[in-house]
């Protein structure tokens, strides 16, 4: 449980405090970016495989990649 601190220390820390919604947004954004990155690494860059590992639709996973600014080298087959 937080304890009362000196008045000056509290005022200094107010500059570091962010509102609940903003902090939640930052935390979720960081989680999402890290998660997508790690799943892509586990899938060796294969988006379809990464989506299956994440248990979400491939199109949704692709949107997560784009939203988080992750660059993926897409190789086209020569069929």
PDB file of N, CA and C in Angstrom:
ATOM      1  N   UNK A   1       0.840  -1.178   0.000  1.00  0.00           N
ATOM      2  CA  UNK A   1       0.000   0.000   0.000  1.00  0.00           C
ATOM      3  C   UNK A   1       0.881   1.236   0.000  1.00  0.00           C
ATOM      4  N   UNK A   2       0.619   2.179  -0.900  1.00  0.00           N
ATOM      5  CA  UNK A   2       1.440   3.385  -0.958  1.00  0.00           C
ATOM      6  C   UNK A   2       1.350   4.173   0.335  1.00  0.00           C
ATOM      7  N   UNK A   3       2.464   4.737   0.704  1.00  0.00           N
ATOM      8  CA  UNK A   3       2.495   5.568   1.900  1.00  0.00           C
ATOM      9  C   UNK A   3       2.632   7.024   1.485  1.00  0.00           C
ATOM     10  N   UNK A   4       2.293   7.909   2.413  1.00  0.00           N
ATOM     11  CA  UNK A   4       2.412   9.335   2.141  1.00  0.00           C
ATOM     12  C   UNK A   4       3.885   9.704   2.061  1.00  0.00           C
ATOM     13  N   UNK A   5       4.226  10.469   1.053  1.00  0.00           N
ATOM     14  CA  UNK A   5       5.608  10.917   0.902  1.00  0.00           C
ATOM     15  C   UNK A   5       5.662  12.416   1.140  1.00  0.00           C
ATOM     16  N   UNK A   6       6.868  12.893   1.141  1.00  0.00           N
ATOM     17  CA  UNK A   6       7.042  14.335   1.294  1.00  0.00           C
ATOM     18  C   UNK A   6       6.303  15.064   0.181  1.00  0.00           C
ATOM     19  N   UNK A   7       5.829  16.226   0.471  1.00  0.00           N
ATOM     20  CA  UNK A   7       5.070  17.016  -0.489  1.00  0.00           C
ATOM     21  C   UNK A   7       5.882  17.295  -1.754  1.00  0.00           C
ATOM     22  N   UNK A   8       7.156  17.671  -1.619  1.00  0.00           N
ATOM     23  CA  UNK A   8       7.971  18.019  -2.787  1.00  0.00           C
ATOM     24  C   UNK A   8       8.219  16.793  -3.672  1.00  0.00           C
ATOM     25  N   UNK A   9       8.438  15.639  -3.067  1.00  0.00           N
ATOM     26  CA  UNK A   9       8.657  14.416  -3.842  1.00  0.00           C
ATOM     27  C   UNK A   9       7.394  14.051  -4.613  1.00  0.00           C
ATOM     28  N   UNK A  10       6.250  14.255  -3.987  1.00  0.00           N
ATOM     29  CA  UNK A  10       4.979  13.956  -4.647  1.00  0.00           C
ATOM     30  C   UNK A  10       4.790  14.861  -5.852  1.00  0.00           C
ATOM     31  N   UNK A  11       5.098  16.128  -5.697  1.00  0.00           N
ATOM     32  CA  UNK A  11       4.940  17.071  -6.803  1.00  0.00           C
ATOM     33  C   UNK A  11       5.890  16.726  -7.950  1.00  0.00           C
ATOM     34  N   UNK A  12       7.098  16.308  -7.625  1.00  0.00           N
ATOM     35  CA  UNK A  12       8.051  15.924  -8.668  1.00  0.00           C
ATOM     36  C   UNK A  12       7.536  14.710  -9.434  1.00  0.00           C
ATOM     37  N   UNK A  13       6.964  13.780  -8.721  1.00  0.00           N
ATOM     38  CA  UNK A  13       6.484  12.548  -9.352  1.00  0.00           C
ATOM     39  C   UNK A  13       5.225  12.782 -10.176  1.00  0.00           C
ATOM     40  N   UNK A  14       4.492  13.833  -9.900  1.00  0.00           N
ATOM     41  CA  UNK A  14       3.289  14.113 -10.681  1.00  0.00           C
ATOM     42  C   UNK A  14       3.615  14.272 -12.163  1.00  0.00           C
ATOM     43  N   UNK A  15       4.803  14.733 -12.463  1.00  0.00           N
ATOM     44  CA  UNK A  15       5.216  14.881 -13.847  1.00  0.00           C
ATOM     45  C   UNK A  15       5.377  13.529 -14.526  1.00  0.00           C
ATOM     46  N   UNK A  16       5.705  12.492 -13.749  1.00  0.00           N
ATOM     47  CA  UNK A  16       5.898  11.154 -14.285  1.00  0.00           C
ATOM     48  C   UNK A  16       4.600  10.357 -14.373  1.00  0.00           C
ATOM     49  N   UNK A  17       3.575  10.799 -13.693  1.00  0.00           N
ATOM     50  CA  UNK A  17       2.326  10.050 -13.630  1.00  0.00           C
ATOM     51  C   UNK A  17       1.506  10.323 -14.886  1.00  0.00           C
ATOM     52  N   UNK A  18       0.988   9.253 -15.447  1.00  0.00           N
ATOM     53  CA  UNK A  18       0.152   9.343 -16.639  1.00  0.00           C
ATOM     54  C   UNK A  18      -1.222   8.813 -16.244  1.00  0.00           C
ATOM     55  N   UNK A  19      -2.241   9.326 -16.877  1.00  0.00           N
ATOM     56  CA  UNK A  19      -3.589   8.852 -16.585  1.00  0.00           C
ATOM     57  C   UNK A  19      -3.746   7.367 -16.879  1.00  0.00           C
ATOM     58  N   UNK A  20      -4.698   6.760 -16.237  1.00  0.00           N
ATOM     59  CA  UNK A  20      -4.951   5.325 -16.375  1.00  0.00           C
ATOM     60  C   UNK A  20      -5.134   4.922 -17.827  1.00  0.00           C
ATOM     61  N   UNK A  21      -5.982   5.646 -18.553  1.00  0.00           N
ATOM     62  CA  UNK A  21      -6.278   5.267 -19.943  1.00  0.00           C
ATOM     63  C   UNK A  21      -5.051   5.368 -20.832  1.00  0.00           C
ATOM     64  N   UNK A  22      -4.265   6.426 -20.646  1.00  0.00           N
ATOM     65  CA  UNK A  22      -3.056   6.597 -21.459  1.00  0.00           C
ATOM     66  C   UNK A  22      -2.042   5.504 -21.152  1.00  0.00           C
ATOM     67  N   UNK A  23      -1.853   5.209 -19.872  1.00  0.00           N
ATOM     68  CA  UNK A  23      -0.909   4.157 -19.504  1.00  0.00           C
ATOM     69  C   UNK A  23      -1.375   2.801 -20.010  1.00  0.00           C
ATOM     70  N   UNK A  24      -2.661   2.525 -19.904  1.00  0.00           N
ATOM     71  CA  UNK A  24      -3.223   1.265 -20.401  1.00  0.00           C
ATOM     72  C   UNK A  24      -2.985   1.139 -21.901  1.00  0.00           C
ATOM     73  N   UNK A  25      -3.210   2.233 -22.613  1.00  0.00           N
ATOM     74  CA  UNK A  25      -2.995   2.255 -24.057  1.00  0.00           C
ATOM     75  C   UNK A  25      -1.531   1.941 -24.391  1.00  0.00           C
ATOM     76  N   UNK A  26      -0.610   2.548 -23.653  1.00  0.00           N
ATOM     77  CA  UNK A  26       0.818   2.307 -23.887  1.00  0.00           C
ATOM     78  C   UNK A  26       1.207   0.865 -23.592  1.00  0.00           C
ATOM     79  N   UNK A  27       0.723   0.347 -22.474  1.00  0.00           N
ATOM     80  CA  UNK A  27       1.057  -1.021 -22.080  1.00  0.00           C
ATOM     81  C   UNK A  27       0.522  -2.022 -23.100  1.00  0.00           C
ATOM     82  N   UNK A  28      -0.727  -1.847 -23.520  1.00  0.00           N
ATOM     83  CA  UNK A  28      -1.315  -2.761 -24.506  1.00  0.00           C
ATOM     84  C   UNK A  28      -0.608  -2.665 -25.848  1.00  0.00           C
ATOM     85  N   UNK A  29      -0.229  -1.465 -26.224  1.00  0.00           N
ATOM     86  CA  UNK A  29       0.485  -1.274 -27.481  1.00  0.00           C
ATOM     87  C   UNK A  29       1.836  -1.985 -27.443  1.00  0.00           C
ATOM     88  N   UNK A  30       2.552  -1.831 -26.339  1.00  0.00           N
ATOM     89  CA  UNK A  30       3.847  -2.509 -26.191  1.00  0.00           C
ATOM     90  C   UNK A  30       3.677  -4.023 -26.186  1.00  0.00           C
ATOM     91  N   UNK A  31       2.651  -4.504 -25.465  1.00  0.00           N
ATOM     92  CA  UNK A  31       2.391  -5.945 -25.431  1.00  0.00           C
ATOM     93  C   UNK A  31       2.109  -6.463 -26.830  1.00  0.00           C
ATOM     94  N   UNK A  32       1.214  -5.767 -27.548  1.00  0.00           N
ATOM     95  CA  UNK A  32       0.810  -6.213 -28.874  1.00  0.00           C
ATOM     96  C   UNK A  32       2.001  -6.264 -29.822  1.00  0.00           C
ATOM     97  N   UNK A  33       2.799  -5.230 -29.807  1.00  0.00           N
ATOM     98  CA  UNK A  33       3.960  -5.168 -30.685  1.00  0.00           C
ATOM     99  C   UNK A  33       4.949  -6.296 -30.365  1.00  0.00           C
ATOM    100  N   UNK A  34       5.258  -6.467 -29.083  1.00  0.00           N
ATOM    101  CA  UNK A  34       6.176  -7.533 -28.674  1.00  0.00           C
ATOM    102  C   UNK A  34       5.615  -8.908 -29.019  1.00  0.00           C
ATOM    103  N   UNK A  35       4.330  -9.108 -28.797  1.00  0.00           N
ATOM    104  CA  UNK A  35       3.699 -10.390 -29.070  1.00  0.00           C
ATOM    105  C   UNK A  35       3.765 -10.736 -30.549  1.00  0.00           C
ATOM    106  N   UNK A  36       3.378  -9.785 -31.394  1.00  0.00           N
ATOM    107  CA  UNK A  36       3.394 -10.022 -32.839  1.00  0.00           C
ATOM    108  C   UNK A  36       4.811 -10.322 -33.299  1.00  0.00           C
ATOM    109  N   UNK A  37       5.772  -9.552 -32.824  1.00  0.00           N
ATOM    110  CA  UNK A  37       7.171  -9.756 -33.186  1.00  0.00           C
ATOM    111  C   UNK A  37       7.636 -11.164 -32.786  1.00  0.00           C
ATOM    112  N   UNK A  38       7.353 -11.560 -31.562  1.00  0.00           N
ATOM    113  CA  UNK A  38       7.795 -12.877 -31.071  1.00  0.00           C
ATOM    114  C   UNK A  38       7.122 -14.027 -31.805  1.00  0.00           C
ATOM    115  N   UNK A  39       5.851 -13.874 -32.128  1.00  0.00           N
ATOM    116  CA  UNK A  39       5.156 -14.926 -32.871  1.00  0.00           C
ATOM    117  C   UNK A  39       5.725 -15.038 -34.284  1.00  0.00           C
ATOM    118  N   UNK A  40       6.029 -13.899 -34.898  1.00  0.00           N
ATOM    119  CA  UNK A  40       6.647 -13.934 -36.231  1.00  0.00           C
ATOM    120  C   UNK A  40       8.009 -14.624 -36.202  1.00  0.00           C
ATOM    121  N   UNK A  41       8.776 -14.365 -35.172  1.00  0.00           N
ATOM    122  CA  UNK A  41      10.074 -15.032 -35.040  1.00  0.00           C
ATOM    123  C   UNK A  41       9.873 -16.533 -34.884  1.00  0.00           C
ATOM    124  N   UNK A  42       8.923 -16.926 -34.038  1.00  0.00           N
ATOM    125  CA  UNK A  42       8.653 -18.353 -33.828  1.00  0.00           C
ATOM    126  C   UNK A  42       8.196 -19.026 -35.118  1.00  0.00           C
ATOM    127  N   UNK A  43       7.501 -18.262 -35.963  1.00  0.00           N
ATOM    128  CA  UNK A  43       6.990 -18.813 -37.225  1.00  0.00           C
ATOM    129  C   UNK A  43       7.974 -18.594 -38.374  1.00  0.00           C
ATOM    130  N   UNK A  44       9.157 -18.126 -38.053  1.00  0.00           N
ATOM    131  CA  UNK A  44      10.216 -17.884 -39.036  1.00  0.00           C
ATOM    132  C   UNK A  44       9.739 -16.958 -40.157  1.00  0.00           C
ATOM    133  N   UNK A  45       8.937 -15.959 -39.786  1.00  0.00           N
ATOM    134  CA  UNK A  45       8.476 -14.964 -40.731  1.00  0.00           C
ATOM    135  C   UNK A  45       7.279 -15.374 -41.567  1.00  0.00           C
ATOM    136  N   UNK A  46       6.795 -16.577 -41.388  1.00  0.00           N
ATOM    137  CA  UNK A  46       5.654 -17.066 -42.156  1.00  0.00           C
ATOM    138  C   UNK A  46       4.369 -16.546 -41.502  1.00  0.00           C
ATOM    139  N   UNK A  47       3.687 -15.631 -42.189  1.00  0.00           N
ATOM    140  CA  UNK A  47       2.521 -14.966 -41.607  1.00  0.00           C
ATOM    141  C   UNK A  47       1.372 -15.938 -41.346  1.00  0.00           C
ATOM    142  N   UNK A  48       1.133 -16.855 -42.271  1.00  0.00           N
ATOM    143  CA  UNK A  48       0.049 -17.830 -42.071  1.00  0.00           C
ATOM    144  C   UNK A  48       0.328 -18.698 -40.850  1.00  0.00           C
ATOM    145  N   UNK A  49       1.569 -19.154 -40.725  1.00  0.00           N
ATOM    146  CA  UNK A  49       1.941 -19.971 -39.570  1.00  0.00           C
ATOM    147  C   UNK A  49       1.857 -19.160 -38.280  1.00  0.00           C
ATOM    148  N   UNK A  50       2.283 -17.903 -38.333  1.00  0.00           N
ATOM    149  CA  UNK A  50       2.226 -17.034 -37.154  1.00  0.00           C
ATOM    150  C   UNK A  50       0.779 -16.818 -36.712  1.00  0.00           C
ATOM    151  N   UNK A  51      -0.103 -16.625 -37.672  1.00  0.00           N
ATOM    152  CA  UNK A  51      -1.520 -16.443 -37.343  1.00  0.00           C
ATOM    153  C   UNK A  51      -2.091 -17.698 -36.689  1.00  0.00           C
ATOM    154  N   UNK A  52      -1.696 -18.851 -37.199  1.00  0.00           N
ATOM    155  CA  UNK A  52      -2.170 -20.106 -36.579  1.00  0.00           C
ATOM    156  C   UNK A  52      -1.644 -20.230 -35.157  1.00  0.00           C
ATOM    157  N   UNK A  53      -0.362 -19.885 -34.953  1.00  0.00           N
ATOM    158  CA  UNK A  53       0.208 -19.939 -33.597  1.00  0.00           C
ATOM    159  C   UNK A  53      -0.526 -18.986 -32.652  1.00  0.00           C
ATOM    160  N   UNK A  54      -0.878 -17.821 -33.168  1.00  0.00           N
ATOM    161  CA  UNK A  54      -1.586 -16.822 -32.363  1.00  0.00           C
ATOM    162  C   UNK A  54      -3.073 -17.139 -32.227  1.00  0.00           C
ATOM    163  N   UNK A  55      -3.526 -18.108 -32.996  1.00  0.00           N
ATOM    164  CA  UNK A  55      -4.920 -18.537 -32.994  1.00  0.00           C
ATOM    165  C   UNK A  55      -5.869 -17.408 -33.386  1.00  0.00           C
ATOM    166  N   UNK A  56      -5.438 -16.654 -34.420  1.00  0.00           N
ATOM    167  CA  UNK A  56      -6.296 -15.611 -34.974  1.00  0.00           C
ATOM    168  C   UNK A  56      -6.264 -15.706 -36.496  1.00  0.00           C
ATOM    169  N   UNK A  57      -7.214 -15.057 -37.128  1.00  0.00           N
ATOM    170  CA  UNK A  57      -7.307 -15.045 -38.576  1.00  0.00           C
ATOM    171  C   UNK A  57      -6.076 -14.372 -39.185  1.00  0.00           C
ATOM    172  N   UNK A  58      -5.622 -14.891 -40.321  1.00  0.00           N
ATOM    173  CA  UNK A  58      -4.431 -14.366 -40.977  1.00  0.00           C
ATOM    174  C   UNK A  58      -4.588 -12.884 -41.326  1.00  0.00           C
ATOM    175  N   UNK A  59      -5.762 -12.493 -41.793  1.00  0.00           N
ATOM    176  CA  UNK A  59      -5.989 -11.087 -42.143  1.00  0.00           C
ATOM    177  C   UNK A  59      -5.869 -10.180 -40.913  1.00  0.00           C
ATOM    178  N   UNK A  60      -6.400 -10.636 -39.801  1.00  0.00           N
ATOM    179  CA  UNK A  60      -6.297  -9.861 -38.564  1.00  0.00           C
ATOM    180  C   UNK A  60      -4.841  -9.766 -38.122  1.00  0.00           C
ATOM    181  N   UNK A  61      -4.107 -10.867 -38.238  1.00  0.00           N
ATOM    182  CA  UNK A  61      -2.691 -10.852 -37.854  1.00  0.00           C
ATOM    183  C   UNK A  61      -1.917  -9.877 -38.744  1.00  0.00           C
ATOM    184  N   UNK A  62      -2.231  -9.866 -40.029  1.00  0.00           N
ATOM    185  CA  UNK A  62      -1.575  -8.946 -40.950  1.00  0.00           C
ATOM    186  C   UNK A  62      -1.855  -7.500 -40.550  1.00  0.00           C
ATOM    187  N   UNK A  63      -3.095  -7.201 -40.122  1.00  0.00           N
ATOM    188  CA  UNK A  63      -3.436  -5.852 -39.653  1.00  0.00           C
ATOM    189  C   UNK A  63      -2.632  -5.481 -38.406  1.00  0.00           C
ATOM    190  N   UNK A  64      -2.423  -6.455 -37.525  1.00  0.00           N
ATOM    191  CA  UNK A  64      -1.610  -6.201 -36.331  1.00  0.00           C
ATOM    192  C   UNK A  64      -0.175  -5.871 -36.723  1.00  0.00           C
ATOM    193  N   UNK A  65       0.337  -6.579 -37.717  1.00  0.00           N
ATOM    194  CA  UNK A  65       1.692  -6.303 -38.209  1.00  0.00           C
ATOM    195  C   UNK A  65       1.766  -4.868 -38.712  1.00  0.00           C
ATOM    196  N   UNK A  66       0.814  -4.475 -39.529  1.00  0.00           N
ATOM    197  CA  UNK A  66       0.801  -3.131 -40.090  1.00  0.00           C
ATOM    198  C   UNK A  66       0.616  -2.064 -39.021  1.00  0.00           C
ATOM    199  N   UNK A  67      -0.320  -2.289 -38.092  1.00  0.00           N
ATOM    200  CA  UNK A  67      -0.602  -1.310 -37.046  1.00  0.00           C
ATOM    201  C   UNK A  67       0.622  -1.061 -36.170  1.00  0.00           C
ATOM    202  N   UNK A  68       1.442  -2.088 -36.000  1.00  0.00           N
ATOM    203  CA  UNK A  68       2.611  -1.953 -35.143  1.00  0.00           C
ATOM    204  C   UNK A  68       3.878  -1.594 -35.907  1.00  0.00           C
ATOM    205  N   UNK A  69       3.736  -1.326 -37.192  1.00  0.00           N
ATOM    206  CA  UNK A  69       4.874  -0.873 -37.985  1.00  0.00           C
ATOM    207  C   UNK A  69       5.971  -1.904 -38.159  1.00  0.00           C
ATOM    208  N   UNK A  70       5.593  -3.166 -38.134  1.00  0.00           N
ATOM    209  CA  UNK A  70       6.570  -4.244 -38.292  1.00  0.00           C
ATOM    210  C   UNK A  70       6.714  -4.527 -39.779  1.00  0.00           C
ATOM    211  N   UNK A  71       7.948  -4.550 -40.236  1.00  0.00           N
ATOM    212  CA  UNK A  71       8.198  -4.818 -41.655  1.00  0.00           C
ATOM    213  C   UNK A  71       8.477  -6.296 -41.840  1.00  0.00           C
ATOM    214  N   UNK A  72       7.789  -6.866 -42.801  1.00  0.00           N
ATOM    215  CA  UNK A  72       7.948  -8.282 -43.115  1.00  0.00           C
ATOM    216  C   UNK A  72       8.324  -8.385 -44.580  1.00  0.00           C
ATOM    217  N   UNK A  73       9.371  -9.126 -44.846  1.00  0.00           N
ATOM    218  CA  UNK A  73       9.769  -9.335 -46.235  1.00  0.00           C
ATOM    219  C   UNK A  73       8.843 -10.383 -46.831  1.00  0.00           C
ATOM    220  N   UNK A  74       8.076  -9.973 -47.842  1.00  0.00           N
ATOM    221  CA  UNK A  74       7.131 -10.880 -48.483  1.00  0.00           C
ATOM    222  C   UNK A  74       7.791 -11.400 -49.760  1.00  0.00           C
ATOM    223  N   UNK A  75       7.945 -12.706 -49.828  1.00  0.00           N
ATOM    224  CA  UNK A  75       8.554 -13.325 -51.007  1.00  0.00           C
ATOM    225  C   UNK A  75       7.455 -13.868 -51.888  1.00  0.00           C
ATOM    226  N   UNK A  76       7.520 -13.522 -53.157  1.00  0.00           N
ATOM    227  CA  UNK A  76       6.530 -14.014 -54.113  1.00  0.00           C
ATOM    228  C   UNK A  76       7.086 -15.282 -54.758  1.00  0.00           C
ATOM    229  N   UNK A  77       6.212 -16.253 -54.916  1.00  0.00           N
ATOM    230  CA  UNK A  77       6.640 -17.495 -55.573  1.00  0.00           C
ATOM    231  C   UNK A  77       6.639 -17.295 -57.082  1.00  0.00           C
ATOM    232  N   UNK A  78       7.440 -18.069 -57.770  1.00  0.00           N
ATOM    233  CA  UNK A  78       7.567 -17.955 -59.228  1.00  0.00           C
ATOM    234  C   UNK A  78       6.690 -18.948 -59.948  1.00  0.00           C
ATOM    235  N   UNK A  79       5.544 -19.282 -59.409  1.00  0.00           N
ATOM    236  CA  UNK A  79       4.645 -20.267 -60.045  1.00  0.00           C
ATOM    237  C   UNK A  79       4.117 -19.775 -61.334  1.00  0.00           C
TER     238      UNK A  79
END
